[in-house]
Amino acid sequence: MILHVKVKPNSSKREIQNFGGDRYLVYLKSAPENNEANAELINVLSKELGVPPSKIKIKFGQTSDNKLVEIKF
């Protein structure tokens, strides 16, 4: 499963919004430094979708706000 994720780091809230299908907007509290926001994104998606963090991988967009995230079930 591939998700298209738009990330908003340095937010005052931690929230996931689904815009239908595989498109998500995720607000993160972490800064986009030292891979902290990417790690938080994986943890937030893991809890939301009920899959272990080891099954979630950022395929494209490591340094971008727009990411393609692969989830293996």
N, C-alpha and C. Protein backbone atom coordinates (compact mmCIF):
# COMPACT_ATOMS: atom_id res chain seq x y z
N MET A 1 0.86 -1.17 0.00
CA MET A 1 0.00 0.00 0.00
C MET A 1 0.90 1.24 0.00
N ILE A 2 0.60 2.19 -0.87
CA ILE A 2 1.35 3.43 -0.97
C ILE A 2 0.45 4.59 -0.53
N LEU A 3 0.97 5.45 0.35
CA LEU A 3 0.25 6.63 0.80
C LEU A 3 0.98 7.88 0.31
N HIS A 4 0.21 8.89 -0.07
CA HIS A 4 0.74 10.20 -0.41
C HIS A 4 0.52 11.08 0.82
N VAL A 5 1.62 11.52 1.43
CA VAL A 5 1.54 12.23 2.70
C VAL A 5 2.16 13.62 2.58
N LYS A 6 1.43 14.61 3.03
CA LYS A 6 1.93 15.98 3.15
C LYS A 6 2.18 16.20 4.64
N VAL A 7 3.41 16.59 4.99
CA VAL A 7 3.80 16.72 6.39
C VAL A 7 3.92 18.20 6.75
N LYS A 8 3.41 18.55 7.92
CA LYS A 8 3.54 19.90 8.48
C LYS A 8 4.32 19.79 9.79
N PRO A 9 5.67 19.90 9.73
CA PRO A 9 6.46 19.81 10.97
C PRO A 9 6.37 21.07 11.80
N ASN A 10 6.89 21.01 13.01
CA ASN A 10 6.88 22.14 13.95
C ASN A 10 5.48 22.64 14.26
N SER A 11 4.51 21.76 14.25
CA SER A 11 3.13 22.12 14.53
C SER A 11 2.89 22.07 16.04
N SER A 12 1.88 22.77 16.49
CA SER A 12 1.53 22.74 17.91
C SER A 12 0.68 21.51 18.24
N LYS A 13 0.26 20.79 17.23
CA LYS A 13 -0.58 19.60 17.45
C LYS A 13 -0.01 18.42 16.67
N ARG A 14 -0.44 17.23 17.05
CA ARG A 14 -0.10 16.02 16.32
C ARG A 14 -1.43 15.45 15.82
N GLU A 15 -1.63 15.49 14.51
CA GLU A 15 -2.94 15.12 13.96
C GLU A 15 -2.78 14.55 12.56
N ILE A 16 -3.69 13.64 12.21
CA ILE A 16 -3.72 13.07 10.87
C ILE A 16 -5.07 13.39 10.26
N GLN A 17 -5.04 13.92 9.03
CA GLN A 17 -6.27 14.17 8.28
C GLN A 17 -6.22 13.36 7.00
N ASN A 18 -7.29 12.63 6.73
CA ASN A 18 -7.39 11.83 5.51
C ASN A 18 -8.24 12.59 4.51
N PHE A 19 -7.71 12.76 3.30
CA PHE A 19 -8.45 13.45 2.25
C PHE A 19 -8.98 12.48 1.22
N GLY A 20 -9.29 11.29 1.67
CA GLY A 20 -9.88 10.29 0.79
C GLY A 20 -8.82 9.40 0.17
N GLY A 21 -9.09 8.14 0.18
CA GLY A 21 -8.18 7.18 -0.44
C GLY A 21 -6.84 7.14 0.26
N ASP A 22 -5.80 7.43 -0.51
CA ASP A 22 -4.44 7.30 0.01
C ASP A 22 -3.76 8.64 0.24
N ARG A 23 -4.51 9.73 0.39
CA ARG A 23 -3.94 11.06 0.59
C ARG A 23 -4.15 11.53 2.03
N TYR A 24 -3.04 11.91 2.67
CA TYR A 24 -3.07 12.31 4.08
C TYR A 24 -2.32 13.62 4.29
N LEU A 25 -2.78 14.37 5.27
CA LEU A 25 -2.07 15.53 5.79
C LEU A 25 -1.76 15.22 7.24
N VAL A 26 -0.47 15.29 7.62
CA VAL A 26 -0.05 14.91 8.96
C VAL A 26 0.67 16.09 9.61
N TYR A 27 0.16 16.52 10.76
CA TYR A 27 0.80 17.57 11.55
C TYR A 27 1.70 16.89 12.58
N LEU A 28 2.96 17.34 12.65
CA LEU A 28 3.93 16.75 13.56
C LEU A 28 4.52 17.82 14.46
N LYS A 29 4.85 17.45 15.68
CA LYS A 29 5.46 18.39 16.62
C LYS A 29 6.97 18.50 16.42
N SER A 30 7.58 17.49 15.85
CA SER A 30 9.04 17.48 15.67
C SER A 30 9.50 18.45 14.60
N ALA A 31 10.74 18.87 14.75
CA ALA A 31 11.37 19.72 13.74
C ALA A 31 11.92 18.84 12.62
N PRO A 32 12.01 19.39 11.41
CA PRO A 32 12.54 18.61 10.29
C PRO A 32 14.07 18.58 10.29
N GLU A 33 14.65 18.24 11.43
CA GLU A 33 16.10 18.19 11.57
C GLU A 33 16.49 16.83 12.12
N ASN A 34 17.64 16.33 11.68
CA ASN A 34 18.18 15.06 12.17
C ASN A 34 17.19 13.90 12.04
N ASN A 35 16.35 13.95 11.02
CA ASN A 35 15.39 12.87 10.72
C ASN A 35 14.33 12.69 11.80
N GLU A 36 14.17 13.68 12.70
CA GLU A 36 13.20 13.57 13.79
C GLU A 36 11.76 13.55 13.28
N ALA A 37 11.43 14.41 12.32
CA ALA A 37 10.06 14.46 11.81
C ALA A 37 9.72 13.17 11.06
N ASN A 38 10.66 12.60 10.32
CA ASN A 38 10.40 11.34 9.63
C ASN A 38 10.15 10.22 10.62
N ALA A 39 10.92 10.17 11.70
CA ALA A 39 10.71 9.14 12.73
C ALA A 39 9.35 9.31 13.40
N GLU A 40 8.98 10.55 13.68
CA GLU A 40 7.67 10.80 14.30
C GLU A 40 6.55 10.41 13.33
N LEU A 41 6.73 10.72 12.05
CA LEU A 41 5.72 10.35 11.05
C LEU A 41 5.50 8.84 11.03
N ILE A 42 6.57 8.08 11.04
CA ILE A 42 6.45 6.63 11.02
C ILE A 42 5.73 6.14 12.28
N ASN A 43 6.05 6.70 13.43
CA ASN A 43 5.39 6.29 14.68
C ASN A 43 3.91 6.66 14.69
N VAL A 44 3.58 7.84 14.20
CA VAL A 44 2.17 8.28 14.17
C VAL A 44 1.36 7.41 13.21
N LEU A 45 1.90 7.14 12.03
CA LEU A 45 1.20 6.27 11.08
C LEU A 45 1.07 4.86 11.61
N SER A 46 2.08 4.39 12.31
CA SER A 46 2.04 3.05 12.90
C SER A 46 0.88 2.92 13.87
N LYS A 47 0.72 3.89 14.75
CA LYS A 47 -0.37 3.86 15.72
C LYS A 47 -1.73 4.01 15.05
N GLU A 48 -1.81 4.88 14.07
CA GLU A 48 -3.09 5.13 13.37
C GLU A 48 -3.56 3.92 12.57
N LEU A 49 -2.62 3.27 11.89
CA LEU A 49 -2.98 2.16 11.00
C LEU A 49 -2.87 0.79 11.66
N GLY A 50 -2.29 0.73 12.86
CA GLY A 50 -2.20 -0.54 13.57
C GLY A 50 -1.19 -1.50 12.98
N VAL A 51 -0.11 -1.00 12.43
CA VAL A 51 0.96 -1.85 11.91
C VAL A 51 2.27 -1.49 12.63
N PRO A 52 3.19 -2.43 12.74
CA PRO A 52 4.46 -2.11 13.40
C PRO A 52 5.28 -1.09 12.59
N PRO A 53 6.05 -0.25 13.27
CA PRO A 53 6.86 0.75 12.56
C PRO A 53 7.83 0.13 11.56
N SER A 54 8.25 -1.10 11.79
CA SER A 54 9.18 -1.76 10.87
C SER A 54 8.55 -2.05 9.51
N LYS A 55 7.23 -2.00 9.41
CA LYS A 55 6.52 -2.26 8.15
C LYS A 55 6.26 -0.98 7.35
N ILE A 56 6.70 0.17 7.88
CA ILE A 56 6.47 1.46 7.23
C ILE A 56 7.80 2.03 6.75
N LYS A 57 7.83 2.44 5.48
CA LYS A 57 9.06 2.97 4.90
C LYS A 57 8.74 4.20 4.05
N ILE A 58 9.54 5.23 4.19
CA ILE A 58 9.39 6.42 3.34
C ILE A 58 10.15 6.14 2.04
N LYS A 59 9.41 5.96 0.95
CA LYS A 59 10.01 5.61 -0.34
C LYS A 59 10.65 6.82 -1.01
N PHE A 60 9.93 7.94 -1.04
CA PHE A 60 10.41 9.16 -1.67
C PHE A 60 10.06 10.35 -0.78
N GLY A 61 10.91 11.36 -0.77
CA GLY A 61 10.62 12.58 -0.05
C GLY A 61 11.22 12.65 1.33
N GLN A 62 12.36 12.01 1.55
CA GLN A 62 13.00 12.06 2.86
C GLN A 62 13.21 13.49 3.36
N THR A 63 13.54 14.40 2.45
CA THR A 63 13.83 15.78 2.84
C THR A 63 12.75 16.75 2.36
N SER A 64 11.62 16.24 1.96
CA SER A 64 10.54 17.06 1.42
C SER A 64 9.32 17.00 2.33
N ASP A 65 8.41 17.96 2.16
CA ASP A 65 7.14 17.92 2.88
C ASP A 65 6.17 16.93 2.26
N ASN A 66 6.36 16.63 0.98
CA ASN A 66 5.52 15.66 0.27
C ASN A 66 6.25 14.34 0.21
N LYS A 67 5.62 13.29 0.71
CA LYS A 67 6.28 12.00 0.82
C LYS A 67 5.41 10.89 0.25
N LEU A 68 6.07 9.86 -0.25
CA LEU A 68 5.42 8.60 -0.61
C LEU A 68 5.83 7.60 0.45
N VAL A 69 4.84 7.06 1.14
CA VAL A 69 5.10 6.13 2.24
C VAL A 69 4.54 4.77 1.84
N GLU A 70 5.39 3.75 1.97
CA GLU A 70 5.00 2.37 1.66
C GLU A 70 4.71 1.64 2.96
N ILE A 71 3.58 0.94 2.98
CA ILE A 71 3.20 0.14 4.15
C ILE A 71 3.04 -1.29 3.69
N LYS A 72 3.77 -2.19 4.33
CA LYS A 72 3.69 -3.61 4.00
C LYS A 72 2.89 -4.31 5.08
N PHE A 73 1.90 -5.06 4.65
CA PHE A 73 1.06 -5.80 5.60
C PHE A 73 1.48 -7.24 5.68
